[in-house]
C-alpha atoms as a PDB file:
ATOM      1  CA  UNK A   1      86.550  83.811  35.677  1.00  0.00           C
ATOM      2  CA  UNK A   2      87.019  87.530  35.951  1.00  0.00           C
ATOM      3  CA  UNK A   3      89.091  89.553  33.546  1.00  0.00           C
ATOM      4  CA  UNK A   4      91.731  90.039  36.209  1.00  0.00           C
ATOM      5  CA  UNK A   5      93.088  86.874  37.784  1.00  0.00           C
ATOM      6  CA  UNK A   6      92.774  87.253  41.553  1.00  0.00           C
ATOM      7  CA  UNK A   7      95.582  86.267  43.872  1.00  0.00           C
ATOM      8  CA  UNK A   8      95.471  84.750  47.333  1.00  0.00           C
ATOM      9  CA  UNK A   9      96.246  88.100  48.948  1.00  0.00           C
ATOM     10  CA  UNK A  10      93.318  89.737  47.137  1.00  0.00           C
ATOM     11  CA  UNK A  11      90.985  87.617  49.270  1.00  0.00           C
ATOM     12  CA  UNK A  12      92.520  88.146  52.725  1.00  0.00           C
ATOM     13  CA  UNK A  13      91.236  88.586  55.334  1.00  0.00           C
ATOM     14  CA  UNK A  14      88.301  86.348  54.509  1.00  0.00           C
ATOM     15  CA  UNK A  15      84.747  87.083  55.475  1.00  0.00           C
ATOM     16  CA  UNK A  16      83.763  84.431  58.087  1.00  0.00           C
ATOM     17  CA  UNK A  17      81.006  83.167  55.804  1.00  0.00           C
ATOM     18  CA  UNK A  18      83.403  82.723  52.883  1.00  0.00           C
ATOM     19  CA  UNK A  19      85.855  80.894  55.148  1.00  0.00           C
ATOM     20  CA  UNK A  20      83.056  78.624  56.377  1.00  0.00           C
ATOM     21  CA  UNK A  21      82.012  77.827  52.795  1.00  0.00           C
ATOM     22  CA  UNK A  22      85.598  76.925  51.890  1.00  0.00           C
ATOM     23  CA  UNK A  23      86.034  74.791  55.008  1.00  0.00           C
ATOM     24  CA  UNK A  24      82.810  72.909  54.314  1.00  0.00           C
ATOM     25  CA  UNK A  25      83.842  72.271  50.712  1.00  0.00           C
ATOM     26  CA  UNK A  26      87.266  70.991  51.840  1.00  0.00           C
ATOM     27  CA  UNK A  27      85.514  67.845  53.023  1.00  0.00           C
ATOM     28  CA  UNK A  28      83.437  67.160  49.917  1.00  0.00           C
ATOM     29  CA  UNK A  29      81.339  68.695  47.159  1.00  0.00           C
ATOM     30  CA  UNK A  30      78.034  70.083  48.405  1.00  0.00           C
ATOM     31  CA  UNK A  31      74.878  71.805  47.243  1.00  0.00           C
ATOM     32  CA  UNK A  32      73.775  75.165  48.636  1.00  0.00           C
ATOM     33  CA  UNK A  33      71.480  73.903  51.355  1.00  0.00           C
ATOM     34  CA  UNK A  34      74.136  71.414  52.493  1.00  0.00           C
ATOM     35  CA  UNK A  35      76.707  74.207  52.642  1.00  0.00           C
ATOM     36  CA  UNK A  36      74.411  76.300  54.865  1.00  0.00           C
ATOM     37  CA  UNK A  37      73.693  73.395  57.208  1.00  0.00           C
ATOM     38  CA  UNK A  38      77.292  72.223  57.462  1.00  0.00           C
ATOM     39  CA  UNK A  39      78.686  75.743  57.898  1.00  0.00           C
ATOM     40  CA  UNK A  40      76.391  76.263  60.875  1.00  0.00           C
ATOM     41  CA  UNK A  41      77.350  72.890  62.360  1.00  0.00           C
ATOM     42  CA  UNK A  42      81.087  73.310  61.707  1.00  0.00           C
ATOM     43  CA  UNK A  43      81.125  76.760  63.318  1.00  0.00           C
ATOM     44  CA  UNK A  44      79.042  75.790  66.340  1.00  0.00           C
ATOM     45  CA  UNK A  45      76.214  77.964  64.942  1.00  0.00           C
ATOM     46  CA  UNK A  46      78.449  81.055  64.817  1.00  0.00           C
ATOM     47  CA  UNK A  47      78.133  81.225  61.033  1.00  0.00           C
ATOM     48  CA  UNK A  48      74.560  81.164  59.811  1.00  0.00           C
ATOM     49  CA  UNK A  49      73.683  82.140  56.277  1.00  0.00           C
ATOM     50  CA  UNK A  50      70.408  82.883  54.605  1.00  0.00           C
ATOM     51  CA  UNK A  51      70.113  81.675  51.003  1.00  0.00           C
ATOM     52  CA  UNK A  52      70.558  85.202  49.613  1.00  0.00           C
ATOM     53  CA  UNK A  53      73.862  85.688  51.420  1.00  0.00           C
ATOM     54  CA  UNK A  54      75.070  82.205  50.529  1.00  0.00           C
ATOM     55  CA  UNK A  55      74.454  82.625  46.812  1.00  0.00           C
ATOM     56  CA  UNK A  56      75.899  86.143  46.817  1.00  0.00           C
ATOM     57  CA  UNK A  57      79.122  84.737  48.317  1.00  0.00           C
ATOM     58  CA  UNK A  58      79.119  81.741  45.970  1.00  0.00           C
ATOM     59  CA  UNK A  59      78.710  84.003  42.938  1.00  0.00           C
ATOM     60  CA  UNK A  60      81.714  86.070  43.992  1.00  0.00           C
ATOM     61  CA  UNK A  61      83.708  82.913  44.765  1.00  0.00           C
ATOM     62  CA  UNK A  62      82.825  81.431  41.362  1.00  0.00           C
ATOM     63  CA  UNK A  63      83.901  84.619  39.612  1.00  0.00           C
ATOM     64  CA  UNK A  64      87.133  84.696  41.610  1.00  0.00           C
ATOM     65  CA  UNK A  65      87.963  81.054  40.981  1.00  0.00           C
ATOM     66  CA  UNK A  66      87.692  79.824  44.602  1.00  0.00           C
ATOM     67  CA  UNK A  67      84.943  77.324  43.786  1.00  0.00           C
ATOM     68  CA  UNK A  68      83.503  75.779  40.658  1.00  0.00           C
ATOM     69  CA  UNK A  69      80.046  74.510  39.918  1.00  0.00           C
ATOM     70  CA  UNK A  70      79.645  70.850  39.038  1.00  0.00           C
ATOM     71  CA  UNK A  71      77.312  69.182  36.645  1.00  0.00           C
ATOM     72  CA  UNK A  72      74.626  67.502  38.726  1.00  0.00           C
ATOM     73  CA  UNK A  73      74.863  64.144  36.999  1.00  0.00           C
ATOM     74  CA  UNK A  74      78.536  63.824  37.964  1.00  0.00           C
ATOM     75  CA  UNK A  75      77.694  64.287  41.631  1.00  0.00           C
ATOM     76  CA  UNK A  76      74.514  62.404  42.314  1.00  0.00           C
ATOM     77  CA  UNK A  77      72.210  61.323  39.483  1.00  0.00           C
ATOM     78  CA  UNK A  78      69.420  60.748  42.014  1.00  0.00           C
ATOM     79  CA  UNK A  79      69.480  64.249  43.484  1.00  0.00           C
ATOM     80  CA  UNK A  80      67.011  67.038  42.825  1.00  0.00           C
ATOM     81  CA  UNK A  81      67.798  68.572  39.419  1.00  0.00           C
ATOM     82  CA  UNK A  82      67.432  72.070  40.851  1.00  0.00           C
ATOM     83  CA  UNK A  83      70.344  71.587  43.201  1.00  0.00           C
ATOM     84  CA  UNK A  84      73.614  73.123  42.193  1.00  0.00           C
ATOM     85  CA  UNK A  85      76.768  71.481  43.509  1.00  0.00           C
ATOM     86  CA  UNK A  86      80.001  73.268  44.266  1.00  0.00           C
ATOM     87  CA  UNK A  87      83.630  72.143  44.593  1.00  0.00           C
ATOM     88  CA  UNK A  88      86.588  74.006  46.059  1.00  0.00           C
ATOM     89  CA  UNK A  89      89.365  74.749  43.565  1.00  0.00           C
ATOM     90  CA  UNK A  90      93.115  74.717  44.061  1.00  0.00           C
ATOM     91  CA  UNK A  91      93.018  78.500  44.504  1.00  0.00           C
ATOM     92  CA  UNK A  92      90.211  78.083  47.047  1.00  0.00           C
ATOM     93  CA  UNK A  93      92.343  75.632  49.048  1.00  0.00           C
ATOM     94  CA  UNK A  94      95.313  77.985  48.904  1.00  0.00           C
ATOM     95  CA  UNK A  95      93.195  80.921  50.079  1.00  0.00           C
ATOM     96  CA  UNK A  96      91.746  78.850  52.955  1.00  0.00           C
ATOM     97  CA  UNK A  97      95.244  77.745  53.990  1.00  0.00           C
ATOM     98  CA  UNK A  98      96.546  81.329  53.850  1.00  0.00           C
ATOM     99  CA  UNK A  99      93.635  82.519  55.991  1.00  0.00           C
ATOM    100  CA  UNK A 100      94.217  79.722  58.527  1.00  0.00           C
ATOM    101  CA  UNK A 101      97.899  80.695  58.738  1.00  0.00           C
ATOM    102  CA  UNK A 102      96.954  84.374  59.111  1.00  0.00           C
ATOM    103  CA  UNK A 103      94.619  83.539  61.985  1.00  0.00           C
ATOM    104  CA  UNK A 104      97.192  81.202  63.570  1.00  0.00           C
ATOM    105  CA  UNK A 105      99.645  84.121  63.753  1.00  0.00           C
ATOM    106  CA  UNK A 106      97.060  86.096  65.739  1.00  0.00           C
ATOM    107  CA  UNK A 107      96.482  83.133  68.045  1.00  0.00           C
ATOM    108  CA  UNK A 108     100.235  82.835  68.679  1.00  0.00           C
ATOM    109  CA  UNK A 109     100.346  86.565  69.471  1.00  0.00           C
ATOM    110  CA  UNK A 110      97.336  86.211  71.761  1.00  0.00           C
ATOM    111  CA  UNK A 111      99.121  83.435  73.637  1.00  0.00           C
ATOM    112  CA  UNK A 112     102.347  85.444  73.859  1.00  0.00           C
ATOM    113  CA  UNK A 113     100.356  88.325  75.341  1.00  0.00           C
ATOM    114  CA  UNK A 114      98.619  85.879  77.706  1.00  0.00           C
ATOM    115  CA  UNK A 115      95.235  86.650  76.228  1.00  0.00           C
ATOM    116  CA  UNK A 116      94.739  82.952  75.471  1.00  0.00           C
ATOM    117  CA  UNK A 117      95.612  79.735  77.253  1.00  0.00           C
ATOM    118  CA  UNK A 118      98.577  77.828  75.885  1.00  0.00           C
ATOM    119  CA  UNK A 119      96.084  75.241  74.653  1.00  0.00           C
END
């Protein structure tokens, strides 16, 4: 945790990679490689991360309280000991929800301006 407690608004707008990490972790706890794979799949390959970028984002998210790291034995005692597992926190869920609402407002505006189909 950082010295200064971050708020939801401090995070917005979210970097697409950070949003993808949060969305992936909404489903279940995952290790780094799983996050990269699932983020690419969830985004239709629009969000692709190299390990360096992933762990840079995860470090910032850990420091900001959006995710926490789990002890391996609580997740999967059979998994590779080198794997580090991550879980979204309550603040992480709130930030993801705020970002989704922020984007939804833009979608509504895009529809009102006939830039998007009514869907």
